N, C-alpha and C. Protein backbone atom coordinates (compact mmCIF):
# COMPACT_ATOMS: atom_id res chain seq x y z
N MET A 1 0.82 -1.10 -0.05
CA MET A 1 -0.06 -0.07 -0.16
C MET A 1 0.96 1.31 -0.02
N TYR A 2 0.60 2.20 -0.87
CA TYR A 2 1.29 3.54 -0.91
C TYR A 2 0.42 4.55 -0.43
N LYS A 3 1.16 5.54 0.31
CA LYS A 3 0.46 6.70 0.71
C LYS A 3 0.99 7.73 -0.01
N THR A 4 0.28 8.61 -0.69
CA THR A 4 0.49 9.81 -1.40
C THR A 4 -0.12 11.03 -1.06
N THR A 5 0.93 11.93 -0.88
CA THR A 5 0.54 13.41 -0.50
C THR A 5 0.90 14.60 -1.45
N VAL A 6 -0.37 15.10 -1.99
CA VAL A 6 -0.19 15.95 -3.07
C VAL A 6 -0.23 17.47 -2.39
N LYS A 7 0.64 18.36 -2.52
CA LYS A 7 0.65 19.76 -2.32
C LYS A 7 -0.13 20.41 -3.15
N ILE A 8 -0.99 21.37 -3.16
CA ILE A 8 -1.81 21.84 -3.84
C ILE A 8 -2.02 23.27 -3.42
N GLU A 9 -2.01 24.37 -4.39
CA GLU A 9 -2.18 25.77 -3.90
C GLU A 9 -3.85 26.14 -4.73
N GLY A 10 -4.39 27.17 -3.82
CA GLY A 10 -5.50 27.35 -4.43
C GLY A 10 -6.74 27.12 -3.84
N MET A 11 -6.70 25.94 -3.18
CA MET A 11 -7.98 25.57 -2.28
C MET A 11 -8.18 26.73 -1.08
N ALA A 12 -9.49 26.92 -1.04
CA ALA A 12 -9.95 28.07 -0.03
C ALA A 12 -10.97 27.63 0.94
N CYS A 13 -11.77 26.47 0.61
CA CYS A 13 -13.04 26.09 1.55
C CYS A 13 -13.07 24.89 1.33
N GLY A 14 -14.16 24.14 2.09
CA GLY A 14 -14.45 22.93 2.17
C GLY A 14 -14.97 22.31 0.81
N MET A 15 -15.60 23.26 -0.10
CA MET A 15 -16.04 22.81 -1.47
C MET A 15 -14.79 22.45 -2.30
N CYS A 16 -13.91 23.49 -2.18
CA CYS A 16 -12.50 23.10 -2.92
C CYS A 16 -11.90 21.56 -2.44
N GLU A 17 -11.99 21.26 -1.26
CA GLU A 17 -11.56 19.94 -0.74
C GLU A 17 -12.40 18.64 -1.47
N ALA A 18 -13.63 19.01 -1.60
CA ALA A 18 -14.36 17.94 -2.02
C ALA A 18 -14.30 17.95 -3.51
N HIS A 19 -14.17 19.06 -4.42
CA HIS A 19 -13.79 18.96 -5.60
C HIS A 19 -12.36 18.27 -6.04
N VAL A 20 -11.54 18.67 -5.34
CA VAL A 20 -9.98 17.92 -5.47
C VAL A 20 -10.30 16.43 -5.12
N CYS A 21 -11.02 15.83 -3.89
CA CYS A 21 -11.08 14.49 -3.95
C CYS A 21 -11.85 13.93 -4.68
N GLU A 22 -13.02 14.42 -5.24
CA GLU A 22 -13.79 13.71 -6.30
C GLU A 22 -12.96 13.55 -7.62
N ALA A 23 -12.09 14.66 -7.74
CA ALA A 23 -11.29 14.69 -9.17
C ALA A 23 -10.31 13.28 -8.82
N ILE A 24 -9.52 13.21 -7.73
CA ILE A 24 -8.68 12.11 -7.68
C ILE A 24 -9.42 10.79 -7.65
N ARG A 25 -10.76 10.71 -7.11
CA ARG A 25 -11.37 9.40 -7.03
C ARG A 25 -11.90 8.97 -8.37
N GLN A 26 -12.05 10.08 -9.34
CA GLN A 26 -12.36 9.77 -10.88
C GLN A 26 -11.10 9.14 -11.54
N ALA A 27 -10.06 9.83 -11.32
CA ALA A 27 -8.94 9.99 -12.11
C ALA A 27 -7.95 8.61 -11.83
N ILE A 28 -8.17 8.09 -10.38
CA ILE A 28 -7.23 7.10 -10.01
C ILE A 28 -8.20 6.07 -9.47
N PRO A 29 -8.24 5.06 -9.93
CA PRO A 29 -9.33 4.05 -9.90
C PRO A 29 -9.07 3.44 -8.40
N GLY A 30 -7.83 2.92 -7.91
CA GLY A 30 -7.56 2.35 -6.84
C GLY A 30 -7.32 3.15 -5.51
N ALA A 31 -7.57 4.59 -5.91
CA ALA A 31 -7.51 5.61 -4.78
C ALA A 31 -8.30 5.04 -3.52
N LYS A 32 -7.89 5.30 -2.24
CA LYS A 32 -8.73 4.90 -1.21
C LYS A 32 -8.41 6.20 -0.14
N ARG A 33 -9.60 6.03 0.75
CA ARG A 33 -9.25 6.94 1.88
C ARG A 33 -8.79 8.60 1.62
N ILE A 34 -9.43 8.88 0.66
CA ILE A 34 -9.06 10.28 0.15
C ILE A 34 -9.42 11.25 0.83
N SER A 35 -8.58 12.42 1.35
CA SER A 35 -8.90 13.18 2.04
C SER A 35 -7.96 14.74 1.56
N ALA A 36 -8.67 15.94 1.84
CA ALA A 36 -8.09 17.05 1.28
C ALA A 36 -8.23 18.18 2.35
N SER A 37 -7.15 19.29 2.68
CA SER A 37 -7.30 20.09 3.54
C SER A 37 -6.81 21.36 2.89
N HIS A 38 -7.62 22.35 2.94
CA HIS A 38 -7.37 23.70 2.06
C HIS A 38 -6.52 24.13 3.24
N ARG A 39 -6.29 23.95 4.45
CA ARG A 39 -5.81 24.81 5.34
C ARG A 39 -4.30 24.44 5.50
N LYS A 40 -4.07 22.95 5.28
CA LYS A 40 -2.55 22.29 4.86
C LYS A 40 -2.30 22.60 3.72
N GLY A 41 -3.22 22.45 2.68
CA GLY A 41 -2.83 22.90 1.16
C GLY A 41 -2.42 21.48 0.74
N GLU A 42 -2.76 20.30 0.99
CA GLU A 42 -2.62 18.96 0.42
C GLU A 42 -3.99 18.05 0.61
N ALA A 43 -3.63 17.26 -0.14
CA ALA A 43 -4.68 15.92 -0.37
C ALA A 43 -3.65 14.39 -0.03
N VAL A 44 -4.37 13.80 0.43
CA VAL A 44 -3.55 12.45 1.04
C VAL A 44 -4.62 11.28 0.59
N PHE A 45 -3.98 10.44 -0.13
CA PHE A 45 -4.70 9.13 -0.34
C PHE A 45 -3.85 8.10 -0.46
N PHE A 46 -4.56 6.66 -0.30
CA PHE A 46 -3.69 5.61 -0.35
C PHE A 46 -4.07 4.67 -1.69
N SER A 47 -3.03 3.99 -2.22
CA SER A 47 -3.45 3.30 -3.23
C SER A 47 -2.36 1.84 -3.34
N GLU A 48 -2.67 1.02 -4.32
CA GLU A 48 -1.94 -0.13 -4.13
C GLU A 48 -0.64 0.06 -4.88
N SER A 49 -0.53 1.14 -5.90
CA SER A 49 0.73 1.27 -6.43
C SER A 49 1.08 2.71 -6.30
N GLY A 50 2.49 3.07 -6.40
CA GLY A 50 2.52 4.58 -6.50
C GLY A 50 2.31 5.30 -7.72
N ILE A 51 1.82 6.43 -7.44
CA ILE A 51 1.26 7.32 -8.71
C ILE A 51 2.05 8.28 -9.36
N ASN A 52 2.22 8.29 -10.70
CA ASN A 52 2.91 9.08 -11.69
C ASN A 52 2.63 10.72 -11.13
N PRO A 53 3.59 11.44 -10.80
CA PRO A 53 3.47 12.80 -10.50
C PRO A 53 2.96 13.61 -11.69
N GLU A 54 2.96 13.04 -12.86
CA GLU A 54 2.64 13.97 -14.34
C GLU A 54 1.04 13.76 -14.43
N THR A 55 0.49 12.61 -13.73
CA THR A 55 -0.81 12.19 -13.82
C THR A 55 -1.45 13.01 -12.63
N LEU A 56 -1.01 13.00 -11.62
CA LEU A 56 -1.37 14.02 -10.26
C LEU A 56 -1.29 15.42 -10.83
N ALA A 57 -0.54 15.88 -11.61
CA ALA A 57 -0.04 17.62 -12.11
C ALA A 57 -1.28 17.41 -12.88
N ASP A 58 -1.60 16.59 -13.86
CA ASP A 58 -2.85 16.63 -14.70
C ASP A 58 -4.16 16.73 -14.30
N VAL A 59 -4.41 15.71 -13.07
CA VAL A 59 -5.62 15.95 -12.68
C VAL A 59 -6.04 17.16 -11.72
N ILE A 60 -5.04 17.57 -10.98
CA ILE A 60 -4.95 18.76 -10.12
C ILE A 60 -5.25 20.02 -11.22
N GLY A 61 -4.66 19.97 -12.06
CA GLY A 61 -4.62 21.12 -13.08
C GLY A 61 -5.98 21.34 -13.71
N LYS A 62 -6.42 20.16 -14.14
CA LYS A 62 -7.85 20.24 -14.58
C LYS A 62 -9.00 20.87 -13.60
N THR A 63 -8.70 20.69 -12.44
CA THR A 63 -9.59 21.20 -11.29
C THR A 63 -9.60 22.76 -11.19
N GLY A 64 -8.47 23.30 -11.67
CA GLY A 64 -8.44 24.73 -11.56
C GLY A 64 -7.46 24.95 -10.51
N TYR A 65 -7.01 24.11 -9.63
CA TYR A 65 -6.10 24.43 -8.75
C TYR A 65 -4.69 24.45 -9.11
N LYS A 66 -3.43 24.43 -8.41
CA LYS A 66 -2.11 24.29 -8.84
C LYS A 66 -1.57 23.27 -8.04
N TYR A 67 -1.03 22.32 -8.87
CA TYR A 67 -0.24 21.00 -8.44
C TYR A 67 0.97 21.73 -7.97
N VAL A 68 1.52 21.46 -7.01
CA VAL A 68 3.23 21.95 -6.37
C VAL A 68 3.91 20.76 -6.34
N SER A 69 3.38 19.72 -5.69
CA SER A 69 4.50 18.57 -5.63
C SER A 69 3.45 17.32 -5.03
N SER A 70 4.25 16.09 -5.23
CA SER A 70 3.63 14.83 -4.67
C SER A 70 4.70 14.13 -4.17
N ASP A 71 4.41 13.27 -3.31
CA ASP A 71 5.15 12.33 -2.61
C ASP A 71 4.48 11.03 -2.22
N SER A 72 4.99 9.89 -2.95
CA SER A 72 4.31 8.29 -2.59
C SER A 72 5.38 7.53 -2.03
N SER A 73 4.87 7.02 -0.79
CA SER A 73 5.90 6.26 0.08
C SER A 73 5.05 5.04 0.63
N ILE A 74 5.66 3.91 0.59
CA ILE A 74 5.09 2.70 0.98
C ILE A 74 4.72 2.94 2.61
N HIS A 75 3.36 2.35 2.60
CA HIS A 75 2.82 2.60 3.95
C HIS A 75 2.43 1.25 4.42
N GLU A 76 2.96 0.76 5.76
CA GLU A 76 2.54 -0.43 5.95
C GLU A 76 1.43 -0.23 7.26
N LYS A 77 0.27 -0.97 6.98
CA LYS A 77 -0.71 -0.91 7.65
C LYS A 77 -0.60 -1.38 9.01
N LYS A 78 -0.72 -0.88 10.35
CA LYS A 78 -0.13 -1.37 11.61
C LYS A 78 -1.56 -1.81 12.20
N GLY A 79 -1.56 -2.96 12.87
CA GLY A 79 -2.73 -3.49 13.55
C GLY A 79 -2.90 -2.96 15.09
N ILE A 80 -3.95 -2.77 15.52
CA ILE A 80 -4.23 -2.46 16.78
C ILE A 80 -2.89 -2.45 17.79
N PHE A 81 -2.46 -3.45 17.92
CA PHE A 81 -1.14 -3.50 18.93
C PHE A 81 0.19 -3.28 17.93
N GLY A 82 -0.10 -2.76 16.59
CA GLY A 82 1.15 -2.55 16.08
C GLY A 82 2.12 -1.76 16.68
N ARG A 83 3.54 -1.66 16.31
CA ARG A 83 4.51 -0.42 16.76
C ARG A 83 5.09 0.08 15.71
């Protein structure tokens, strides 16, 4: 499982966050647990494979917001007693 964090400029409210989440959901079929924060200026989601930054730049650009950067890293799910 990969955790991807996308830095985005231009989001100003909760509707902006919803718009970005929906764009990611539609463009990246395996995206799960998608969330966005206009205060942090980022969106975070999980997927089975790493996502190409060019793909994310295209997805975010089509929403009218500015793609700044992204980072995909391997995320290991920890159980309730995991360390």
